[in-house]
Protein backbone atom coordinates (compact mmCIF):
# COMPACT_ATOMS: atom_id res chain seq x y z
CA MET A 1 -14.06 -25.65 -3.12
CA VAL A 2 -12.29 -22.97 -1.09
CA THR A 3 -12.47 -19.49 -2.51
CA GLY A 4 -10.40 -16.51 -1.62
CA GLN A 5 -7.22 -18.52 -1.01
CA LYS A 6 -5.33 -16.80 -3.86
CA SER A 7 -6.52 -13.45 -2.62
CA CYS A 8 -5.17 -14.20 0.87
CA SER A 9 -1.86 -15.25 -0.63
CA ARG A 10 -1.61 -12.06 -2.68
CA ASN A 11 -2.49 -9.94 0.41
CA ALA A 12 0.20 -11.74 2.42
CA ASP A 13 2.75 -11.07 -0.36
CA LEU A 14 1.63 -7.44 -0.48
CA MET A 15 2.03 -7.07 3.29
CA LYS A 16 5.55 -8.61 3.11
CA SER A 17 6.48 -6.14 0.37
CA ILE A 18 5.13 -3.18 2.35
CA GLN A 19 6.95 -4.30 5.48
CA TYR A 20 10.20 -4.60 3.45
CA GLN A 21 9.72 -1.12 2.03
CA LEU A 22 9.06 0.37 5.45
CA LYS A 23 12.26 -1.24 6.76
CA LEU A 24 14.18 0.34 3.87
CA VAL A 25 12.73 3.77 4.74
CA GLU A 26 13.46 3.32 8.42
CA ASP A 27 17.07 2.28 7.64
CA ASN A 28 17.46 5.30 5.32
CA GLU A 29 16.43 7.93 7.91
CA GLY A 30 12.92 8.29 6.47
CA LYS A 31 14.06 8.88 2.91
CA CYS A 32 12.68 6.79 0.11
CA ASP A 33 15.12 4.64 -1.84
CA CYS A 34 13.61 5.09 -5.32
CA LYS A 35 16.31 3.18 -7.21
CA GLY A 36 14.31 -0.06 -7.17
CA ARG A 37 15.70 -3.44 -6.24
CA GLY A 38 16.32 -5.05 -9.62
CA SER A 39 12.62 -5.78 -10.31
CA GLY A 40 12.65 -3.56 -13.38
CA SER A 41 9.57 -1.68 -12.32
CA GLU A 42 9.16 1.22 -9.96
CA LYS A 43 6.54 0.62 -7.33
CA VAL A 44 4.87 2.88 -4.78
CA ALA A 45 2.96 1.60 -1.78
CA PHE A 46 0.60 3.33 0.55
CA MET A 47 -2.34 2.36 2.72
CA VAL A 48 -4.97 4.85 3.94
CA LYS A 49 -8.46 4.78 5.38
CA ASN A 50 -11.31 7.06 6.38
CA SER A 51 -12.94 7.11 9.77
CA VAL A 52 -16.38 7.21 8.08
CA ASP A 53 -17.83 5.20 5.20
CA LEU A 54 -18.19 6.95 1.85
CA HIS A 55 -21.40 6.48 -0.06
CA ASN A 56 -22.61 7.64 -3.50
CA ILE A 57 -19.34 9.30 -4.50
CA PRO A 58 -19.58 10.73 -8.05
CA SER A 59 -17.09 9.34 -10.59
CA LYS A 60 -13.83 11.26 -10.88
CA SER A 61 -14.29 12.77 -7.44
CA VAL A 62 -11.33 13.61 -5.32
CA VAL A 63 -11.39 11.60 -2.09
CA VAL A 64 -9.22 12.81 0.81
CA TYR A 65 -8.43 10.07 3.35
CA ASN A 66 -8.09 11.19 6.95
CA THR A 67 -5.81 8.36 8.24
CA VAL A 68 -2.49 7.31 6.73
CA ILE A 69 -1.39 3.83 7.77
CA THR A 70 1.62 3.38 5.45
CA ASN A 71 3.24 5.90 3.10
């Protein structure tokens, strides 16, 4: 049995969605088109990372990421 296949499919769909949204922002001179595209739900996408691993973070802590990949 192969596991993780659905996860890969969802990740691929997410990446396609993010790429589409980035294209919209680029085509709109960096401004977000927040009207939606008929999906009925407003969605926000971002991807960030830290250059160091975080360990033993207390619950409800504020985590500040130091690298923005997609906003």
